[in-house]
Amino acid sequence: MAASNSSPAVEMLERLSTDATYSAQTYFEAAKSADFWSRTIVFFPALVAAMAGALSAVYSVKLGGSISAISGAVAATASFIGSGKQAGAYRESARRYTNLRHAVRLEISLAGSRSESDLETVLRDLSQQRAAIISSDEPVPNRFFERASKRIDSGVTSYTQDA
């Protein structure tokens, strides 16, 4: 397989694999964050509404009713607009990049038995798959790429773990 390592197509496949790895992890990090914030936006206002409503009922605090109504409206609005949709979109992108990564790694492992022209065809097909994923992605902030890089550097995407 040493001969295939010098192949320009295999080098491009390696780059594609690295890109898919970082993209998948970035989108998983973004999904975790979006999921946390979507739950927070619904849960805490609902909790405040419940506490304020209880205070209003038990102690006849008029301000409690107003706070309860406002907090309830915020929680209901966040729930209605689907605050968790973004997390789902990020997770779907992450899964698509993960599938791409596995497909690329498979092609790299089979590269030794393929001609350069066959490898170029495979590379073009996989690059088109990547372009299709990118065209439907929601962009994520850079901080998620930074988190993903740290996690990848710590070995989160490797198949062997030192214990």
C-alpha atoms as a PDB file:
ATOM      1  CA  MET A   1       0.000   0.000   0.000  1.00  0.00           C
ATOM      2  CA  ALA A   2       3.040   2.268   0.152  1.00  0.00           C
ATOM      3  CA  ALA A   3       2.699   2.993  -3.542  1.00  0.00           C
ATOM      4  CA  SER A   4      -0.863   4.220  -3.103  1.00  0.00           C
ATOM      5  CA  ASN A   5       0.249   6.674  -0.397  1.00  0.00           C
ATOM      6  CA  SER A   6       2.139   8.670  -3.037  1.00  0.00           C
ATOM      7  CA  SER A   7      -0.961   8.857  -5.230  1.00  0.00           C
ATOM      8  CA  PRO A   8      -2.375  12.369  -5.650  1.00  0.00           C
ATOM      9  CA  ALA A   9      -5.912  10.952  -5.465  1.00  0.00           C
ATOM     10  CA  VAL A  10      -5.173   9.170  -2.174  1.00  0.00           C
ATOM     11  CA  GLU A  11      -3.663  12.369  -0.779  1.00  0.00           C
ATOM     12  CA  MET A  12      -6.861  14.209  -1.714  1.00  0.00           C
ATOM     13  CA  LEU A  13      -8.940  11.431  -0.149  1.00  0.00           C
ATOM     14  CA  GLU A  14      -6.911  11.822   3.059  1.00  0.00           C
ATOM     15  CA  ARG A  15      -7.669  15.563   3.035  1.00  0.00           C
ATOM     16  CA  LEU A  16     -11.332  14.849   2.423  1.00  0.00           C
ATOM     17  CA  SER A  17     -11.332  12.443   5.352  1.00  0.00           C
ATOM     18  CA  THR A  18      -9.748  15.029   7.624  1.00  0.00           C
ATOM     19  CA  ASP A  19     -12.215  17.679   6.488  1.00  0.00           C
ATOM     20  CA  ALA A  20     -15.169  15.343   7.087  1.00  0.00           C
ATOM     21  CA  THR A  21     -13.832  14.456  10.542  1.00  0.00           C
ATOM     22  CA  TYR A  22     -13.501  18.085  11.617  1.00  0.00           C
ATOM     23  CA  SER A  23     -16.816  19.063  10.046  1.00  0.00           C
ATOM     24  CA  ALA A  24     -18.689  16.197  11.717  1.00  0.00           C
ATOM     25  CA  GLN A  25     -17.233  16.956  15.128  1.00  0.00           C
ATOM     26  CA  THR A  26     -17.899  20.681  14.700  1.00  0.00           C
ATOM     27  CA  TYR A  27     -21.551  20.014  13.935  1.00  0.00           C
ATOM     28  CA  PHE A  28     -21.856  17.567  16.847  1.00  0.00           C
ATOM     29  CA  GLU A  29     -20.462  20.257  19.159  1.00  0.00           C
ATOM     30  CA  ALA A  30     -22.912  22.814  17.736  1.00  0.00           C
ATOM     31  CA  ALA A  31     -25.807  20.367  18.163  1.00  0.00           C
ATOM     32  CA  LYS A  32     -24.930  19.770  21.819  1.00  0.00           C
ATOM     33  CA  SER A  33     -24.840  23.493  22.485  1.00  0.00           C
ATOM     34  CA  ALA A  34     -28.047  24.234  20.568  1.00  0.00           C
ATOM     35  CA  ASP A  35     -29.814  21.406  22.382  1.00  0.00           C
ATOM     36  CA  PHE A  36     -28.701  22.752  25.774  1.00  0.00           C
ATOM     37  CA  TRP A  37     -29.812  26.301  24.993  1.00  0.00           C
ATOM     38  CA  SER A  38     -33.121  25.221  23.478  1.00  0.00           C
ATOM     39  CA  ARG A  39     -33.940  23.255  26.615  1.00  0.00           C
ATOM     40  CA  THR A  40     -32.836  26.146  28.808  1.00  0.00           C
ATOM     41  CA  ILE A  41     -34.994  28.657  26.934  1.00  0.00           C
ATOM     42  CA  VAL A  42     -38.084  26.524  27.548  1.00  0.00           C
ATOM     43  CA  PHE A  43     -37.322  25.062  30.987  1.00  0.00           C
ATOM     44  CA  PHE A  44     -36.262  28.082  33.037  1.00  0.00           C
ATOM     45  CA  PRO A  45     -39.125  30.400  32.036  1.00  0.00           C
ATOM     46  CA  ALA A  46     -41.567  27.558  32.697  1.00  0.00           C
ATOM     47  CA  LEU A  47     -39.960  26.978  36.108  1.00  0.00           C
ATOM     48  CA  VAL A  48     -40.155  30.694  36.942  1.00  0.00           C
ATOM     49  CA  ALA A  49     -43.794  30.733  35.829  1.00  0.00           C
ATOM     50  CA  ALA A  50     -44.605  27.811  38.101  1.00  0.00           C
ATOM     51  CA  MET A  51     -42.834  29.339  41.113  1.00  0.00           C
ATOM     52  CA  ALA A  52     -44.390  32.764  40.560  1.00  0.00           C
ATOM     53  CA  GLY A  53     -47.812  31.192  40.125  1.00  0.00           C
ATOM     54  CA  ALA A  54     -47.379  29.243  43.357  1.00  0.00           C
ATOM     55  CA  LEU A  55     -46.275  32.393  45.217  1.00  0.00           C
ATOM     56  CA  SER A  56     -49.250  34.243  43.846  1.00  0.00           C
ATOM     57  CA  ALA A  57     -51.652  31.477  44.867  1.00  0.00           C
ATOM     58  CA  VAL A  58     -50.229  30.827  48.334  1.00  0.00           C
ATOM     59  CA  TYR A  59     -49.276  34.340  49.433  1.00  0.00           C
ATOM     60  CA  SER A  60     -51.621  36.399  47.247  1.00  0.00           C
ATOM     61  CA  VAL A  61     -48.670  38.248  45.721  1.00  0.00           C
ATOM     62  CA  LYS A  62     -50.037  40.204  42.757  1.00  0.00           C
ATOM     63  CA  LEU A  63     -46.621  40.585  41.144  1.00  0.00           C
ATOM     64  CA  GLY A  64     -46.352  36.785  41.091  1.00  0.00           C
ATOM     65  CA  GLY A  65     -49.256  36.548  38.668  1.00  0.00           C
ATOM     66  CA  SER A  66     -47.618  38.991  36.240  1.00  0.00           C
ATOM     67  CA  ILE A  67     -44.274  37.232  36.428  1.00  0.00           C
ATOM     68  CA  SER A  68     -46.000  33.887  35.959  1.00  0.00           C
ATOM     69  CA  ALA A  69     -47.866  35.118  32.900  1.00  0.00           C
ATOM     70  CA  ILE A  70     -44.780  36.634  31.264  1.00  0.00           C
ATOM     71  CA  SER A  71     -42.564  33.614  31.991  1.00  0.00           C
ATOM     72  CA  GLY A  72     -45.255  31.257  30.775  1.00  0.00           C
ATOM     73  CA  ALA A  73     -45.568  33.239  27.554  1.00  0.00           C
ATOM     74  CA  VAL A  74     -41.808  33.120  26.982  1.00  0.00           C
ATOM     75  CA  ALA A  75     -41.712  29.354  27.565  1.00  0.00           C
ATOM     76  CA  ALA A  76     -44.738  28.769  25.341  1.00  0.00           C
ATOM     77  CA  THR A  77     -43.304  30.935  22.564  1.00  0.00           C
ATOM     78  CA  ALA A  78     -39.926  29.185  22.688  1.00  0.00           C
ATOM     79  CA  SER A  79     -41.651  25.818  22.611  1.00  0.00           C
ATOM     80  CA  PHE A  80     -43.957  26.867  19.765  1.00  0.00           C
ATOM     81  CA  ILE A  81     -41.228  28.213  17.488  1.00  0.00           C
ATOM     82  CA  GLY A  82     -39.303  24.986  17.915  1.00  0.00           C
ATOM     83  CA  SER A  83     -36.222  26.059  19.764  1.00  0.00           C
ATOM     84  CA  GLY A  84     -34.779  22.556  19.273  1.00  0.00           C
ATOM     85  CA  LYS A  85     -34.958  22.570  15.456  1.00  0.00           C
ATOM     86  CA  GLN A  86     -31.483  24.012  15.070  1.00  0.00           C
ATOM     87  CA  ALA A  87     -29.982  21.233  17.184  1.00  0.00           C
ATOM     88  CA  GLY A  88     -31.641  18.649  14.939  1.00  0.00           C
ATOM     89  CA  ALA A  89     -30.313  20.308  11.795  1.00  0.00           C
ATOM     90  CA  TYR A  90     -26.798  20.406  13.225  1.00  0.00           C
ATOM     91  CA  ARG A  91     -27.019  16.754  14.284  1.00  0.00           C
ATOM     92  CA  GLU A  92     -28.185  15.743  10.787  1.00  0.00           C
ATOM     93  CA  SER A  93     -25.220  17.538   9.201  1.00  0.00           C
ATOM     94  CA  ALA A  94     -22.861  15.864  11.657  1.00  0.00           C
ATOM     95  CA  ARG A  95     -24.232  12.447  10.764  1.00  0.00           C
ATOM     96  CA  ARG A  96     -23.900  13.141   7.040  1.00  0.00           C
ATOM     97  CA  TYR A  97     -20.258  14.187   7.498  1.00  0.00           C
ATOM     98  CA  THR A  98     -19.640  11.080   9.592  1.00  0.00           C
ATOM     99  CA  ASN A  99     -21.071   8.881   6.842  1.00  0.00           C
ATOM    100  CA  LEU A 100     -18.878  10.674   4.315  1.00  0.00           C
ATOM    101  CA  ARG A 101     -15.840  10.155   6.523  1.00  0.00           C
ATOM    102  CA  HIS A 102     -16.504   6.408   6.725  1.00  0.00           C
ATOM    103  CA  ALA A 103     -16.998   6.171   2.969  1.00  0.00           C
ATOM    104  CA  VAL A 104     -13.731   8.019   2.346  1.00  0.00           C
ATOM    105  CA  ARG A 105     -11.816   5.854   4.848  1.00  0.00           C
ATOM    106  CA  LEU A 106     -13.146   2.739   3.091  1.00  0.00           C
ATOM    107  CA  GLU A 107     -11.958   4.024  -0.282  1.00  0.00           C
ATOM    108  CA  ILE A 108      -8.546   4.853   1.156  1.00  0.00           C
ATOM    109  CA  SER A 109      -8.232   1.307   2.493  1.00  0.00           C
ATOM    110  CA  LEU A 110      -9.136  -0.105  -0.931  1.00  0.00           C
ATOM    111  CA  ALA A 111      -6.881   2.293  -2.852  1.00  0.00           C
ATOM    112  CA  GLY A 112      -4.005  -0.149  -3.251  1.00  0.00           C
ATOM    113  CA  SER A 113      -6.068  -2.341  -5.574  1.00  0.00           C
ATOM    114  CA  ARG A 114      -7.357   0.494  -7.771  1.00  0.00           C
ATOM    115  CA  SER A 115      -5.977   2.393 -10.693  1.00  0.00           C
ATOM    116  CA  GLU A 116      -5.333   6.120 -10.458  1.00  0.00           C
ATOM    117  CA  SER A 117      -8.229   6.857 -12.827  1.00  0.00           C
ATOM    118  CA  ASP A 118     -10.600   4.751 -10.693  1.00  0.00           C
ATOM    119  CA  LEU A 119      -9.413   6.626  -7.610  1.00  0.00           C
ATOM    120  CA  GLU A 120     -10.002   9.946  -9.345  1.00  0.00           C
ATOM    121  CA  THR A 121     -13.568   8.891 -10.185  1.00  0.00           C
ATOM    122  CA  VAL A 122     -14.178   7.877  -6.568  1.00  0.00           C
ATOM    123  CA  LEU A 123     -12.651  11.147  -5.369  1.00  0.00           C
ATOM    124  CA  ARG A 124     -14.924  13.169  -7.654  1.00  0.00           C
ATOM    125  CA  ASP A 125     -18.010  11.285  -6.433  1.00  0.00           C
ATOM    126  CA  LEU A 126     -17.100  11.757  -2.789  1.00  0.00           C
ATOM    127  CA  SER A 127     -16.294  15.420  -3.385  1.00  0.00           C
ATOM    128  CA  GLN A 128     -19.756  15.851  -4.910  1.00  0.00           C
ATOM    129  CA  GLN A 129     -21.272  14.247  -1.820  1.00  0.00           C
ATOM    130  CA  ARG A 130     -19.347  16.713   0.334  1.00  0.00           C
ATOM    131  CA  ALA A 131     -20.562  19.623  -1.797  1.00  0.00           C
ATOM    132  CA  ALA A 132     -24.160  18.432  -1.412  1.00  0.00           C
ATOM    133  CA  ILE A 133     -23.771  18.327   2.371  1.00  0.00           C
ATOM    134  CA  ILE A 134     -22.227  21.793   2.443  1.00  0.00           C
ATOM    135  CA  SER A 135     -25.009  23.236   0.289  1.00  0.00           C
ATOM    136  CA  SER A 136     -27.640  22.239   2.848  1.00  0.00           C
ATOM    137  CA  ASP A 137     -25.693  23.044   6.039  1.00  0.00           C
ATOM    138  CA  GLU A 138     -26.499  25.807   8.454  1.00  0.00           C
ATOM    139  CA  PRO A 139     -23.233  27.611   9.187  1.00  0.00           C
ATOM    140  CA  VAL A 140     -21.894  27.256  12.728  1.00  0.00           C
ATOM    141  CA  PRO A 141     -19.868  29.746  14.772  1.00  0.00           C
ATOM    142  CA  ASN A 142     -16.081  29.276  14.867  1.00  0.00           C
ATOM    143  CA  ARG A 143     -16.100  28.481  18.585  1.00  0.00           C
ATOM    144  CA  PHE A 144     -17.553  25.061  17.762  1.00  0.00           C
ATOM    145  CA  PHE A 145     -14.701  24.337  15.355  1.00  0.00           C
ATOM    146  CA  GLU A 146     -12.259  25.233  18.123  1.00  0.00           C
ATOM    147  CA  ARG A 147     -14.029  22.859  20.532  1.00  0.00           C
ATOM    148  CA  ALA A 148     -14.074  20.145  17.887  1.00  0.00           C
ATOM    149  CA  SER A 149     -10.352  20.580  17.219  1.00  0.00           C
ATOM    150  CA  LYS A 150      -9.554  20.143  20.898  1.00  0.00           C
ATOM    151  CA  ARG A 151     -11.703  17.023  21.132  1.00  0.00           C
ATOM    152  CA  ILE A 152     -10.182  15.529  17.977  1.00  0.00           C
ATOM    153  CA  ASP A 153      -6.682  16.295  19.259  1.00  0.00           C
ATOM    154  CA  SER A 154      -7.582  14.467  22.484  1.00  0.00           C
ATOM    155  CA  GLY A 155      -8.496  11.371  20.446  1.00  0.00           C
ATOM    156  CA  VAL A 156     -12.286  11.474  20.469  1.00  0.00           C
ATOM    157  CA  THR A 157     -12.492  10.294  16.841  1.00  0.00           C
ATOM    158  CA  SER A 158      -9.804   7.624  16.989  1.00  0.00           C
ATOM    159  CA  TYR A 159     -10.756   3.987  17.125  1.00  0.00           C
ATOM    160  CA  THR A 160      -8.070   3.130  19.644  1.00  0.00           C
ATOM    161  CA  GLN A 161      -8.116   4.598  23.115  1.00  0.00           C
ATOM    162  CA  ASP A 162      -5.197   4.442  25.506  1.00  0.00           C
ATOM    163  CA  ALA A 163      -6.535   3.447  28.894  1.00  0.00           C
END
